Amino acid sequence: MKDWFGLVARLVTGGVWIVAGALKLPYPADSVRAVRAYDLLPEAVVPAVGHLLPVVEVVIGLCLVLGVLVRSTATLSALLFVAFIIGISSAWARGLSIDCGCFGGGGEIPDAAAKYPGEIARDVGLLALSVWLVVRPRSRLALDAVLFRTTPDTDLDTDPDNEGSLDGAEEELAQDRAGEGRRPGPA
């Protein structure tokens, strides 16, 4: 069941990232304006962040949907959601009335503060899905399972039917302990 939930978490989170990034890619100036509106970053880095963020979002989304490098990608996803939650919360606390720029657009708009609680709640939910994928990156229909195949001998903790075999050092230790209870007899 957890594997299926992981698939849903990957598809939902990855789908949101793909849509968010794809809507911003054709309008880089809007993306830069959205980053600038938060007034959190030095002006020298605002254009770079505004131009790179949509590309990063699409790449994260594709990796999650395809199930490639899930733990690493989900970690990046979680970090970005934390940054977005902080950014929206900061704008709200400072009384800024800006479009979050999450799905394009950005900049000052009237009555934006009324949308902040919903935007934060959405990002908290997506953050939770990302954290789930960091903790449990294996899920159904993920390319990671094909690209990074493991055998039961090399990855015992992933095989629920394998109750564990001992490797060399552990086996010697077990034999030594078993031998402690025996008294040496005549040879």
C-alpha atoms as a PDB file:
ATOM      1  CA  MET A   1       0.000   0.000   0.000  1.00  0.00           C
ATOM      2  CA  LYS A   2       2.864   2.372   0.809  1.00  0.00           C
ATOM      3  CA  ASP A   3       4.277   1.820  -2.670  1.00  0.00           C
ATOM      4  CA  TRP A   4       0.986   2.969  -4.209  1.00  0.00           C
ATOM      5  CA  PHE A   5       0.815   6.024  -1.957  1.00  0.00           C
ATOM      6  CA  GLY A   6       4.362   6.866  -3.031  1.00  0.00           C
ATOM      7  CA  LEU A   7       3.274   6.679  -6.659  1.00  0.00           C
ATOM      8  CA  VAL A   8       0.398   9.081  -5.979  1.00  0.00           C
ATOM      9  CA  ALA A   9       2.725  11.408  -4.041  1.00  0.00           C
ATOM     10  CA  ARG A  10       5.195  11.391  -6.936  1.00  0.00           C
ATOM     11  CA  LEU A  11       2.552  12.056  -9.579  1.00  0.00           C
ATOM     12  CA  VAL A  12       0.779  14.817  -7.652  1.00  0.00           C
ATOM     13  CA  THR A  13       3.919  16.644  -6.549  1.00  0.00           C
ATOM     14  CA  GLY A  14       5.704  16.113  -9.849  1.00  0.00           C
ATOM     15  CA  GLY A  15       2.636  17.187 -11.805  1.00  0.00           C
ATOM     16  CA  VAL A  16       2.375  20.419  -9.820  1.00  0.00           C
ATOM     17  CA  TRP A  17       6.060  21.158 -10.430  1.00  0.00           C
ATOM     18  CA  ILE A  18       5.747  20.508 -14.170  1.00  0.00           C
ATOM     19  CA  VAL A  19       2.678  22.724 -14.523  1.00  0.00           C
ATOM     20  CA  ALA A  20       4.165  25.513 -12.385  1.00  0.00           C
ATOM     21  CA  GLY A  21       7.440  25.546 -14.303  1.00  0.00           C
ATOM     22  CA  ALA A  22       5.915  25.094 -17.760  1.00  0.00           C
ATOM     23  CA  LEU A  23       3.536  28.022 -17.255  1.00  0.00           C
ATOM     24  CA  LYS A  24       6.487  30.277 -16.358  1.00  0.00           C
ATOM     25  CA  LEU A  25       8.973  29.152 -19.018  1.00  0.00           C
ATOM     26  CA  PRO A  26       7.516  31.225 -21.886  1.00  0.00           C
ATOM     27  CA  TYR A  27       7.412  34.381 -19.722  1.00  0.00           C
ATOM     28  CA  PRO A  28      10.792  34.784 -18.013  1.00  0.00           C
ATOM     29  CA  ALA A  29      10.233  38.489 -17.318  1.00  0.00           C
ATOM     30  CA  ASP A  30       7.118  37.635 -15.280  1.00  0.00           C
ATOM     31  CA  SER A  31       9.087  35.066 -13.313  1.00  0.00           C
ATOM     32  CA  VAL A  32      11.810  37.611 -12.540  1.00  0.00           C
ATOM     33  CA  ARG A  33       9.129  40.141 -11.521  1.00  0.00           C
ATOM     34  CA  ALA A  34       7.548  37.582  -9.174  1.00  0.00           C
ATOM     35  CA  VAL A  35      10.891  36.866  -7.480  1.00  0.00           C
ATOM     36  CA  ARG A  36      11.630  40.588  -7.191  1.00  0.00           C
ATOM     37  CA  ALA A  37       8.206  41.316  -5.641  1.00  0.00           C
ATOM     38  CA  TYR A  38       9.048  39.265  -2.540  1.00  0.00           C
ATOM     39  CA  ASP A  39      11.902  41.699  -1.812  1.00  0.00           C
ATOM     40  CA  LEU A  40      13.906  38.948  -0.075  1.00  0.00           C
ATOM     41  CA  LEU A  41      16.893  38.378  -2.367  1.00  0.00           C
ATOM     42  CA  PRO A  42      19.661  40.777  -3.383  1.00  0.00           C
ATOM     43  CA  GLU A  43      18.860  42.413  -6.703  1.00  0.00           C
ATOM     44  CA  ALA A  44      22.028  40.941  -8.212  1.00  0.00           C
ATOM     45  CA  VAL A  45      20.639  37.376  -7.943  1.00  0.00           C
ATOM     46  CA  VAL A  46      16.964  38.075  -8.704  1.00  0.00           C
ATOM     47  CA  PRO A  47      17.258  37.708 -12.517  1.00  0.00           C
ATOM     48  CA  ALA A  48      19.197  34.434 -12.225  1.00  0.00           C
ATOM     49  CA  VAL A  49      16.672  32.968  -9.776  1.00  0.00           C
ATOM     50  CA  GLY A  50      13.751  34.176 -11.870  1.00  0.00           C
ATOM     51  CA  HIS A  51      15.145  32.576 -15.023  1.00  0.00           C
ATOM     52  CA  LEU A  52      16.378  29.327 -13.448  1.00  0.00           C
ATOM     53  CA  LEU A  53      13.449  28.567 -11.154  1.00  0.00           C
ATOM     54  CA  PRO A  54      11.007  27.464 -13.894  1.00  0.00           C
ATOM     55  CA  VAL A  55      13.624  25.146 -15.394  1.00  0.00           C
ATOM     56  CA  VAL A  56      14.410  23.640 -11.979  1.00  0.00           C
ATOM     57  CA  GLU A  57      10.686  23.156 -11.329  1.00  0.00           C
ATOM     58  CA  VAL A  58      10.163  21.272 -14.597  1.00  0.00           C
ATOM     59  CA  VAL A  59      13.221  19.075 -14.006  1.00  0.00           C
ATOM     60  CA  ILE A  60      12.095  18.237 -10.449  1.00  0.00           C
ATOM     61  CA  GLY A  61       8.619  17.475 -11.747  1.00  0.00           C
ATOM     62  CA  LEU A  62       9.844  15.194 -14.523  1.00  0.00           C
ATOM     63  CA  CYS A  63      12.163  13.316 -12.176  1.00  0.00           C
ATOM     64  CA  LEU A  64       9.345  12.746  -9.694  1.00  0.00           C
ATOM     65  CA  VAL A  65       6.795  11.685 -12.296  1.00  0.00           C
ATOM     66  CA  LEU A  66       9.257   9.283 -13.906  1.00  0.00           C
ATOM     67  CA  GLY A  67      10.585   8.085 -10.562  1.00  0.00           C
ATOM     68  CA  VAL A  68      14.221   8.975 -11.210  1.00  0.00           C
ATOM     69  CA  LEU A  69      16.488   9.860  -8.269  1.00  0.00           C
ATOM     70  CA  VAL A  70      13.377  10.137  -6.125  1.00  0.00           C
ATOM     71  CA  ARG A  71      14.983  10.725  -2.720  1.00  0.00           C
ATOM     72  CA  SER A  72      17.311  13.462  -4.007  1.00  0.00           C
ATOM     73  CA  THR A  73      14.615  15.094  -6.088  1.00  0.00           C
ATOM     74  CA  ALA A  74      12.085  14.949  -3.253  1.00  0.00           C
ATOM     75  CA  THR A  75      14.661  16.573  -0.961  1.00  0.00           C
ATOM     76  CA  LEU A  76      15.050  19.465  -3.421  1.00  0.00           C
ATOM     77  CA  SER A  77      11.274  19.639  -3.721  1.00  0.00           C
ATOM     78  CA  ALA A  78      10.861  19.833   0.053  1.00  0.00           C
ATOM     79  CA  LEU A  79      13.508  22.547   0.350  1.00  0.00           C
ATOM     80  CA  LEU A  80      11.824  24.628  -2.347  1.00  0.00           C
ATOM     81  CA  PHE A  81       8.429  24.261  -0.668  1.00  0.00           C
ATOM     82  CA  VAL A  82       9.946  25.407   2.633  1.00  0.00           C
ATOM     83  CA  ALA A  83      11.423  28.436   0.824  1.00  0.00           C
ATOM     84  CA  PHE A  84       8.064  29.200  -0.801  1.00  0.00           C
ATOM     85  CA  ILE A  85       6.198  28.896   2.507  1.00  0.00           C
ATOM     86  CA  ILE A  86       8.708  31.244   4.129  1.00  0.00           C
ATOM     87  CA  GLY A  87       8.448  33.666   1.199  1.00  0.00           C
ATOM     88  CA  ILE A  88       4.644  33.805   1.215  1.00  0.00           C
ATOM     89  CA  SER A  89       4.538  34.044   5.018  1.00  0.00           C
ATOM     90  CA  SER A  90       7.095  36.837   4.926  1.00  0.00           C
ATOM     91  CA  ALA A  91       5.099  38.762   2.304  1.00  0.00           C
ATOM     92  CA  TRP A  92       1.955  38.332   4.389  1.00  0.00           C
ATOM     93  CA  ALA A  93       3.697  39.432   7.616  1.00  0.00           C
ATOM     94  CA  ARG A  94       5.158  42.510   5.906  1.00  0.00           C
ATOM     95  CA  GLY A  95       1.800  43.498   4.460  1.00  0.00           C
ATOM     96  CA  LEU A  96       2.815  42.980   0.844  1.00  0.00           C
ATOM     97  CA  SER A  97       0.004  42.362  -1.606  1.00  0.00           C
ATOM     98  CA  ILE A  98       1.673  40.286  -4.313  1.00  0.00           C
ATOM     99  CA  ASP A  99       0.765  37.377  -6.541  1.00  0.00           C
ATOM    100  CA  CYS A 100       2.832  34.426  -5.341  1.00  0.00           C
ATOM    101  CA  GLY A 101       3.955  33.781  -8.903  1.00  0.00           C
ATOM    102  CA  CYS A 102       3.590  30.058  -8.290  1.00  0.00           C
ATOM    103  CA  PHE A 103       1.887  29.372 -11.613  1.00  0.00           C
ATOM    104  CA  GLY A 104       3.060  32.385 -13.581  1.00  0.00           C
ATOM    105  CA  GLY A 105       2.313  36.035 -13.175  1.00  0.00           C
ATOM    106  CA  GLY A 106       3.698  37.763 -10.145  1.00  0.00           C
ATOM    107  CA  GLY A 107       4.099  41.261  -8.881  1.00  0.00           C
ATOM    108  CA  GLU A 108       1.746  43.474  -6.920  1.00  0.00           C
ATOM    109  CA  ILE A 109      -2.001  42.802  -7.051  1.00  0.00           C
ATOM    110  CA  PRO A 110      -4.837  44.036  -4.866  1.00  0.00           C
ATOM    111  CA  ASP A 111      -6.249  41.782  -2.133  1.00  0.00           C
ATOM    112  CA  ALA A 112      -3.518  39.150  -2.522  1.00  0.00           C
ATOM    113  CA  ALA A 113      -3.353  38.657   1.246  1.00  0.00           C
ATOM    114  CA  ALA A 114      -6.701  36.838   1.136  1.00  0.00           C
ATOM    115  CA  LYS A 115      -5.047  34.123  -0.997  1.00  0.00           C
ATOM    116  CA  TYR A 116      -2.009  33.629   1.241  1.00  0.00           C
ATOM    117  CA  PRO A 117      -3.576  31.083   3.651  1.00  0.00           C
ATOM    118  CA  GLY A 118      -4.664  28.831   0.768  1.00  0.00           C
ATOM    119  CA  GLU A 119      -1.282  29.123  -0.945  1.00  0.00           C
ATOM    120  CA  ILE A 120       0.536  28.268   2.280  1.00  0.00           C
ATOM    121  CA  ALA A 121      -1.810  25.320   2.939  1.00  0.00           C
ATOM    122  CA  ARG A 122      -1.231  24.004  -0.596  1.00  0.00           C
ATOM    123  CA  ASP A 123       2.532  24.257  -0.175  1.00  0.00           C
ATOM    124  CA  VAL A 124       2.412  22.591   3.251  1.00  0.00           C
ATOM    125  CA  GLY A 125       0.486  19.672   1.720  1.00  0.00           C
ATOM    126  CA  LEU A 126       2.990  19.364  -1.127  1.00  0.00           C
ATOM    127  CA  LEU A 127       5.828  19.652   1.390  1.00  0.00           C
ATOM    128  CA  ALA A 128       4.328  16.722   3.319  1.00  0.00           C
ATOM    129  CA  LEU A 129       4.194  14.625   0.131  1.00  0.00           C
ATOM    130  CA  SER A 130       7.801  15.536  -0.640  1.00  0.00           C
ATOM    131  CA  VAL A 131       8.927  14.548   2.859  1.00  0.00           C
ATOM    132  CA  TRP A 132       7.089  11.226   2.475  1.00  0.00           C
ATOM    133  CA  LEU A 133       9.119  10.601  -0.684  1.00  0.00           C
ATOM    134  CA  VAL A 134      12.364  11.488   1.079  1.00  0.00           C
ATOM    135  CA  VAL A 135      11.594   8.940   3.800  1.00  0.00           C
ATOM    136  CA  ARG A 136      10.083   6.308   1.471  1.00  0.00           C
ATOM    137  CA  PRO A 137      11.469   6.928  -2.022  1.00  0.00           C
ATOM    138  CA  ARG A 138      10.535   3.515  -3.432  1.00  0.00           C
ATOM    139  CA  SER A 139       7.183   3.372  -5.125  1.00  0.00           C
ATOM    140  CA  ARG A 140       5.367   1.656  -7.952  1.00  0.00           C
ATOM    141  CA  LEU A 141       6.245   2.359 -11.575  1.00  0.00           C
ATOM    142  CA  ALA A 142       9.456   4.220 -10.722  1.00  0.00           C
ATOM    143  CA  LEU A 143      12.403   4.097 -13.109  1.00  0.00           C
ATOM    144  CA  ASP A 144      14.745   3.975 -10.100  1.00  0.00           C
ATOM    145  CA  ALA A 145      13.782   0.305  -9.705  1.00  0.00           C
ATOM    146  CA  VAL A 146      14.990  -0.388 -13.247  1.00  0.00           C
ATOM    147  CA  LEU A 147      18.012   1.916 -13.283  1.00  0.00           C
ATOM    148  CA  PHE A 148      19.367   0.983  -9.871  1.00  0.00           C
ATOM    149  CA  ARG A 149      18.518  -2.681  -9.514  1.00  0.00           C
ATOM    150  CA  THR A 150      19.779  -4.353  -6.386  1.00  0.00           C
ATOM    151  CA  THR A 151      20.079  -7.992  -5.577  1.00  0.00           C
ATOM    152  CA  PRO A 152      18.958  -9.515  -2.284  1.00  0.00           C
ATOM    153  CA  ASP A 153      22.627 -10.283  -1.498  1.00  0.00           C
ATOM    154  CA  THR A 154      23.656  -6.636  -1.749  1.00  0.00           C
ATOM    155  CA  ASP A 155      20.564  -4.952  -0.356  1.00  0.00           C
ATOM    156  CA  LEU A 156      18.991  -7.145   2.303  1.00  0.00           C
ATOM    157  CA  ASP A 157      16.808  -4.475   3.854  1.00  0.00           C
ATOM    158  CA  THR A 158      14.758  -4.038   0.666  1.00  0.00           C
ATOM    159  CA  ASP A 159      13.681  -7.665   0.385  1.00  0.00           C
ATOM    160  CA  PRO A 160      10.840  -8.315   2.847  1.00  0.00           C
ATOM    161  CA  ASP A 161      10.990 -12.083   2.216  1.00  0.00           C
ATOM    162  CA  ASN A 162      14.657 -12.261   3.114  1.00  0.00           C
ATOM    163  CA  GLU A 163      14.997 -12.511   6.848  1.00  0.00           C
ATOM    164  CA  GLY A 164      18.606 -11.554   6.512  1.00  0.00           C
ATOM    165  CA  SER A 165      21.732 -13.543   5.953  1.00  0.00           C
ATOM    166  CA  LEU A 166      24.926 -12.731   7.687  1.00  0.00           C
ATOM    167  CA  ASP A 167      27.888 -11.285   5.885  1.00  0.00           C
ATOM    168  CA  GLY A 168      31.406 -12.545   6.556  1.00  0.00           C
ATOM    169  CA  ALA A 169      32.266 -10.635   9.750  1.00  0.00           C
ATOM    170  CA  GLU A 170      28.814 -11.089  11.272  1.00  0.00           C
ATOM    171  CA  GLU A 171      28.875 -14.811  10.440  1.00  0.00           C
ATOM    172  CA  GLU A 172      32.276 -15.281  12.100  1.00  0.00           C
ATOM    173  CA  LEU A 173      31.060 -13.438  15.193  1.00  0.00           C
ATOM    174  CA  ALA A 174      27.958 -15.632  15.358  1.00  0.00           C
ATOM    175  CA  GLN A 175      30.074 -18.769  15.041  1.00  0.00           C
ATOM    176  CA  ASP A 176      32.449 -17.561  17.763  1.00  0.00           C
ATOM    177  CA  ARG A 177      29.546 -16.881  20.112  1.00  0.00           C
ATOM    178  CA  ALA A 178      28.002 -20.272  19.359  1.00  0.00           C
ATOM    179  CA  GLY A 179      31.338 -21.921  20.077  1.00  0.00           C
ATOM    180  CA  GLU A 180      31.678 -20.239  23.512  1.00  0.00           C
ATOM    181  CA  GLY A 181      29.082 -22.509  25.023  1.00  0.00           C
ATOM    182  CA  ARG A 182      30.857 -25.696  23.869  1.00  0.00           C
ATOM    183  CA  ARG A 183      33.717 -27.227  25.749  1.00  0.00           C
ATOM    184  CA  PRO A 184      36.622 -28.476  23.785  1.00  0.00           C
ATOM    185  CA  GLY A 185      36.610 -32.229  23.683  1.00  0.00           C
ATOM    186  CA  PRO A 186      39.231 -34.750  22.800  1.00  0.00           C
ATOM    187  CA  ALA A 187      40.446 -34.487  19.278  1.00  0.00           C
END
